[in-house]
Amino acid sequence: MLFRCVVLLLVLARMRSQFVADVQPGCDLDAAKQCELDLLECRLFSGPADDPPTMCRCGEQFYGVCLRLAGCEMHEELNPPGELYMKKCVDHIYRYDCNPPDPLMCAINCASPGTVDPHNSRLMLFNNYGGYHLRLRICENVVHPLRLKTYSVVDPVPCNNDNEDTEDDFLICGRWIPPQTFTPVALPPGTTYIEIDKCVVNDDGSQLCIQGDEPVRVYGNSQLFPETYNAPKSAVSECSSDGDCLGSFCERKLRPAACAPKLRRHIEQSGANYFEVD
């Protein structure tokens, strides 16, 4: 019994470290291999061969749960090596016409360390046209503790990581949004605003966020919260093929050609429409 409790605590600690971190924790390759084996078993024994409803269900578990817990949703697939799991995920939705697709199947989780409840989280679409990774720092409902205790007044205050009080700290999402990536992001239900930092992942794997730049702030409240954030386009926003647009496709009707944005209807309608803008 004691051993099982220790194992559970270690698993929870690992999930927490994958979820909240100043930098991205990385992919657990052993866990990803097990996810691929589980996907194969699901494909073989959960329903008719290549049956779309079965494959959509298997994909939800593989991409939306197993790989996310392993921290590998943005990693290159292992067997066989090649495409990114994120690209495979959106291709899976389109190929099997998941109707509608699970909105969190090909999403980034900034809402909770474990399984994400889509009905108890905010879902925001991020279209990162820029050349930087985007790190999200999330401020949940924070009230002035002294005024609340003394006067029972609910007075919201901004988050602040520079003091000794940890109750008003930002929640820093351990998963960044890569450049030229178009994806839903799950946020905690109590989010009042987010700050978006520009960050870099170097070829040697080192990670850093740009210091000195004023972060972008996106505000909301319990009733209204922005559905979409579009990072400004830059010189790197032009695309030449669909491979330049992770989670989307290259819209060649535009001049110059640019990645099509992720829209709300892409996660609410048939998977056959996942790569359409008109």
Protein backbone atom coordinates (compact mmCIF):
# COMPACT_ATOMS: atom_id res chain seq x y z
CA MET A 1 0.00 0.00 0.00
CA LEU A 2 2.81 2.37 0.92
CA PHE A 3 4.61 1.54 -2.33
CA ARG A 4 1.49 2.33 -4.38
CA CYS A 5 1.11 5.68 -2.60
CA VAL A 6 4.73 6.57 -3.31
CA VAL A 7 4.32 5.65 -6.99
CA LEU A 8 1.15 7.75 -7.22
CA LEU A 9 2.90 10.75 -5.66
CA LEU A 10 5.79 10.41 -8.12
CA VAL A 11 3.37 10.26 -11.05
CA LEU A 12 1.50 13.34 -9.83
CA ALA A 13 4.76 15.20 -9.29
CA ARG A 14 5.88 14.37 -12.82
CA MET A 15 2.54 15.49 -14.28
CA ARG A 16 2.83 18.75 -12.37
CA SER A 17 6.39 19.33 -13.61
CA GLN A 18 5.25 18.69 -17.21
CA PHE A 19 2.40 21.15 -16.74
CA VAL A 20 3.98 24.09 -14.86
CA ALA A 21 7.52 25.12 -15.73
CA ASP A 22 9.56 28.16 -16.76
CA VAL A 23 10.91 26.10 -19.68
CA GLN A 24 9.51 23.10 -21.51
CA PRO A 25 10.30 19.86 -19.64
CA GLY A 26 10.74 17.70 -22.74
CA CYS A 27 9.32 14.41 -24.00
CA ASP A 28 9.35 11.13 -22.07
CA LEU A 29 10.40 8.84 -24.92
CA ASP A 30 9.65 5.62 -23.03
CA ALA A 31 6.12 6.83 -22.31
CA ALA A 32 5.69 7.83 -25.97
CA LYS A 33 6.71 4.32 -27.11
CA GLN A 34 4.08 2.84 -24.79
CA CYS A 35 1.52 5.28 -26.22
CA GLU A 36 2.28 4.00 -29.72
CA LEU A 37 1.83 0.40 -28.57
CA ASP A 38 -1.48 1.32 -26.96
CA LEU A 39 -2.59 2.98 -30.21
CA LEU A 40 -1.73 -0.15 -32.18
CA GLU A 41 -3.71 -2.29 -29.75
CA CYS A 42 -6.67 0.07 -29.99
CA ARG A 43 -6.59 -0.03 -33.80
CA LEU A 44 -6.42 -3.83 -33.88
CA PHE A 45 -8.88 -4.82 -31.17
CA SER A 46 -11.32 -1.95 -30.52
CA GLY A 47 -13.42 -2.18 -33.66
CA PRO A 48 -13.49 -2.96 -37.40
CA ALA A 49 -10.25 -2.37 -39.31
CA ASP A 50 -9.75 1.29 -40.20
CA ASP A 51 -13.25 2.09 -38.96
CA PRO A 52 -13.53 5.92 -38.71
CA PRO A 53 -15.44 6.09 -35.36
CA THR A 54 -12.99 3.59 -33.85
CA MET A 55 -9.97 5.45 -35.19
CA CYS A 56 -11.30 8.79 -33.93
CA ARG A 57 -11.78 7.27 -30.49
CA CYS A 58 -8.28 5.74 -30.54
CA GLY A 59 -6.84 9.06 -31.72
CA GLU A 60 -8.48 10.96 -28.88
CA GLN A 61 -6.80 8.68 -26.36
CA PHE A 62 -3.44 8.58 -28.15
CA TYR A 63 -2.97 12.24 -29.11
CA GLY A 64 -5.26 13.95 -26.63
CA VAL A 65 -4.38 12.03 -23.46
CA CYS A 66 -1.41 9.66 -23.66
CA LEU A 67 1.04 11.82 -25.63
CA ARG A 68 0.04 14.91 -23.67
CA LEU A 69 0.79 13.24 -20.35
CA ALA A 70 4.13 12.11 -21.79
CA GLY A 71 4.91 15.69 -22.82
CA CYS A 72 5.33 14.60 -26.44
CA GLU A 73 2.48 16.21 -28.35
CA MET A 74 4.93 18.49 -30.22
CA HIS A 75 7.67 15.87 -30.55
CA GLU A 76 8.71 13.92 -33.64
CA GLU A 77 7.05 10.53 -33.87
CA LEU A 78 9.21 7.60 -32.80
CA ASN A 79 8.07 4.63 -34.87
CA PRO A 80 8.77 5.24 -37.65
CA PRO A 81 10.66 8.49 -37.06
CA GLY A 82 9.58 11.38 -39.21
CA GLU A 83 6.60 13.71 -38.84
CA LEU A 84 5.63 15.63 -35.72
CA TYR A 85 2.87 14.09 -33.63
CA MET A 86 0.95 17.38 -33.90
CA LYS A 87 0.85 17.14 -37.70
CA LYS A 88 -0.13 13.48 -37.52
CA CYS A 89 -2.93 14.45 -35.14
CA VAL A 90 -4.60 17.01 -37.41
CA ASP A 91 -4.14 14.67 -40.41
CA HIS A 92 -5.86 11.95 -38.35
CA ILE A 93 -8.89 14.19 -37.73
CA TYR A 94 -9.14 15.00 -41.44
CA ARG A 95 -8.55 11.46 -42.70
CA TYR A 96 -11.17 9.82 -40.50
CA ASP A 97 -13.61 12.75 -40.61
CA CYS A 98 -14.01 12.90 -36.83
CA ASN A 99 -17.39 14.58 -36.43
CA PRO A 100 -16.95 16.73 -34.50
CA PRO A 101 -13.34 16.22 -33.43
CA ASP A 102 -12.48 16.32 -29.76
CA PRO A 103 -11.46 20.00 -29.38
CA LEU A 104 -8.57 18.98 -27.11
CA MET A 105 -7.28 16.14 -29.28
CA CYS A 106 -4.68 18.30 -31.06
CA ALA A 107 -4.48 21.06 -28.46
CA ILE A 108 -1.98 22.39 -25.94
CA ASN A 109 -2.93 21.89 -22.32
CA CYS A 110 -2.39 24.87 -20.03
CA ALA A 111 -5.49 24.10 -17.94
CA SER A 112 -4.63 21.21 -15.60
CA PRO A 113 -1.85 18.69 -14.91
CA GLY A 114 -4.01 15.67 -15.78
CA THR A 115 -7.00 15.06 -18.02
CA VAL A 116 -8.56 18.26 -19.35
CA ASP A 117 -12.29 18.79 -18.96
CA PRO A 118 -13.39 20.85 -22.00
CA HIS A 119 -16.50 21.94 -20.11
CA ASN A 120 -14.41 23.27 -17.21
CA SER A 121 -11.71 25.14 -19.09
CA ARG A 122 -11.37 28.04 -21.47
CA LEU A 123 -10.49 27.10 -25.03
CA MET A 124 -8.61 29.76 -26.98
CA LEU A 125 -7.32 29.45 -30.53
CA PHE A 126 -3.74 30.59 -31.09
CA ASN A 127 -2.47 31.47 -34.56
CA ASN A 128 1.26 31.99 -34.13
CA TYR A 129 2.38 33.69 -37.34
CA GLY A 130 5.59 34.90 -35.72
CA GLY A 131 9.09 33.52 -35.55
CA TYR A 132 9.16 32.97 -31.76
CA HIS A 133 7.80 30.33 -29.44
CA LEU A 134 5.00 31.74 -27.28
CA ARG A 135 5.05 31.09 -23.54
CA LEU A 136 1.80 31.72 -21.66
CA ARG A 137 1.77 33.09 -18.13
CA ILE A 138 -1.72 32.76 -16.73
CA CYS A 139 -3.28 34.90 -14.00
CA GLU A 140 -6.31 33.40 -12.31
CA ASN A 141 -8.81 35.14 -10.07
CA VAL A 142 -6.62 36.92 -7.52
CA VAL A 143 -8.08 39.21 -4.85
CA HIS A 144 -6.36 41.56 -2.43
CA PRO A 145 -5.93 39.27 0.63
CA LEU A 146 -5.83 42.04 3.27
CA ARG A 147 -8.90 43.85 1.95
CA LEU A 148 -10.75 40.56 1.66
CA LYS A 149 -9.87 39.55 5.23
CA THR A 150 -10.45 42.97 6.80
CA TYR A 151 -13.37 44.37 4.82
CA SER A 152 -14.73 41.33 2.92
CA VAL A 153 -14.12 43.29 -0.27
CA VAL A 154 -13.36 41.35 -3.45
CA ASP A 155 -10.76 43.61 -5.06
CA PRO A 156 -8.91 41.98 -7.99
CA VAL A 157 -5.16 42.54 -8.18
CA PRO A 158 -2.66 41.62 -10.90
CA CYS A 159 -0.43 38.58 -10.56
CA ASN A 160 3.11 39.19 -9.35
CA ASN A 161 5.97 36.69 -9.22
CA ASP A 162 8.37 39.19 -7.63
CA ASN A 163 7.20 39.03 -4.02
CA GLU A 164 7.21 36.43 -1.25
CA ASP A 165 3.48 35.72 -1.48
CA THR A 166 2.90 32.75 -3.79
CA GLU A 167 -0.88 33.13 -3.90
CA ASP A 168 -0.62 35.82 -6.58
CA ASP A 169 1.97 34.06 -8.74
CA PHE A 170 1.44 33.52 -12.44
CA LEU A 171 0.76 29.98 -13.59
CA ILE A 172 3.46 29.45 -16.22
CA CYS A 173 2.39 26.91 -18.83
CA GLY A 174 5.01 24.22 -19.40
CA ARG A 175 4.09 23.89 -23.09
CA TRP A 176 5.00 26.60 -25.57
CA ILE A 177 3.38 27.34 -28.93
CA PRO A 178 6.01 26.92 -31.66
CA PRO A 179 6.43 29.37 -34.55
CA GLN A 180 4.03 28.94 -37.45
CA THR A 181 1.73 26.79 -35.30
CA PHE A 182 -2.06 27.02 -35.25
CA THR A 183 -3.74 25.24 -32.37
CA PRO A 184 -6.36 25.37 -29.61
CA VAL A 185 -5.02 26.01 -26.11
CA ALA A 186 -6.89 24.98 -22.96
CA LEU A 187 -6.73 27.54 -20.13
CA PRO A 188 -7.94 27.26 -16.50
CA PRO A 189 -11.58 28.32 -16.06
CA GLY A 190 -10.61 31.07 -13.59
CA THR A 191 -8.26 32.84 -15.99
CA THR A 192 -8.63 36.62 -15.84
CA TYR A 193 -5.77 37.49 -18.17
CA ILE A 194 -2.69 35.97 -19.78
CA GLU A 195 0.72 37.39 -20.58
CA ILE A 196 2.43 36.11 -23.73
CA ASP A 197 6.23 35.99 -23.82
CA LYS A 198 8.42 35.58 -26.89
CA CYS A 199 10.86 32.70 -26.43
CA VAL A 200 13.55 30.86 -28.37
CA VAL A 201 14.55 27.19 -28.53
CA ASN A 202 18.10 26.89 -29.83
CA ASP A 203 19.50 24.05 -31.92
CA ASP A 204 21.30 22.65 -28.86
CA GLY A 205 17.98 22.43 -26.98
CA SER A 206 18.60 25.41 -24.71
CA GLN A 207 15.57 27.63 -24.11
CA LEU A 208 15.26 31.28 -23.21
CA CYS A 209 12.63 33.99 -23.24
CA ILE A 210 13.31 37.50 -24.51
CA GLN A 211 13.97 39.87 -21.60
CA GLY A 212 13.10 43.54 -21.76
CA ASP A 213 10.19 43.24 -24.19
CA GLU A 214 6.81 44.16 -22.74
CA PRO A 215 4.70 40.97 -22.85
CA VAL A 216 1.38 41.02 -24.68
CA ARG A 217 -1.58 40.93 -22.29
CA VAL A 218 -4.94 39.41 -23.22
CA TYR A 219 -7.78 40.20 -20.80
CA GLY A 220 -11.11 38.52 -20.17
CA ASN A 221 -13.61 37.81 -17.41
CA SER A 222 -15.94 35.06 -16.23
CA GLN A 223 -18.49 35.91 -18.93
CA LEU A 224 -16.40 36.97 -21.91
CA PHE A 225 -12.97 35.82 -22.99
CA PRO A 226 -11.30 36.23 -26.39
CA GLU A 227 -11.71 33.21 -28.66
CA THR A 228 -8.57 33.84 -30.68
CA TYR A 229 -5.11 35.33 -30.42
CA ASN A 230 -3.22 36.07 -33.63
CA ALA A 231 0.49 36.72 -33.25
CA PRO A 232 1.46 39.51 -35.66
CA LYS A 233 2.69 38.42 -39.06
CA SER A 234 6.33 39.00 -39.92
CA ALA A 235 8.88 38.19 -42.60
CA VAL A 236 8.77 34.51 -41.57
CA SER A 237 4.99 34.23 -41.98
CA GLU A 238 5.11 33.39 -45.68
CA CYS A 239 4.63 29.70 -46.51
CA SER A 240 5.51 27.58 -49.53
CA SER A 241 3.85 24.28 -48.53
CA ASP A 242 1.45 22.84 -45.97
CA GLY A 243 4.46 21.56 -44.06
CA ASP A 244 5.23 25.17 -43.07
CA CYS A 245 1.94 25.44 -41.15
CA LEU A 246 1.74 23.13 -38.15
CA GLY A 247 -1.94 22.48 -37.40
CA SER A 248 -3.11 24.28 -40.53
CA PHE A 249 -2.31 24.57 -44.25
CA CYS A 250 -0.72 27.01 -46.67
CA GLU A 251 -3.38 29.27 -48.20
CA ARG A 252 -2.04 30.03 -51.68
CA LYS A 253 -4.95 32.33 -52.55
CA LEU A 254 -3.25 34.95 -50.40
CA ARG A 255 -0.42 37.07 -51.77
CA PRO A 256 2.09 36.32 -50.45
CA ALA A 257 0.92 32.84 -49.45
CA ALA A 258 0.37 32.49 -45.69
CA CYS A 259 -0.89 29.85 -43.27
CA ALA A 260 -4.65 29.73 -42.86
CA PRO A 261 -5.82 30.63 -39.34
CA LYS A 262 -7.37 28.14 -36.97
CA LEU A 263 -11.06 28.98 -36.60
CA ARG A 264 -13.66 28.00 -34.01
CA ARG A 265 -15.67 26.00 -36.54
CA HIS A 266 -12.67 23.76 -37.21
CA ILE A 267 -13.12 22.19 -33.78
CA GLU A 268 -16.92 22.23 -33.83
CA GLN A 269 -17.72 20.78 -37.26
CA SER A 270 -16.85 17.70 -39.26
CA GLY A 271 -13.19 16.77 -39.52
CA ALA A 272 -13.56 16.85 -43.32
CA ASN A 273 -13.69 20.66 -42.97
CA TYR A 274 -10.60 20.87 -40.76
CA PHE A 275 -8.51 22.44 -43.53
CA GLU A 276 -11.05 24.87 -44.95
CA VAL A 277 -11.40 28.62 -44.49
CA ASP A 278 -14.34 29.43 -46.81
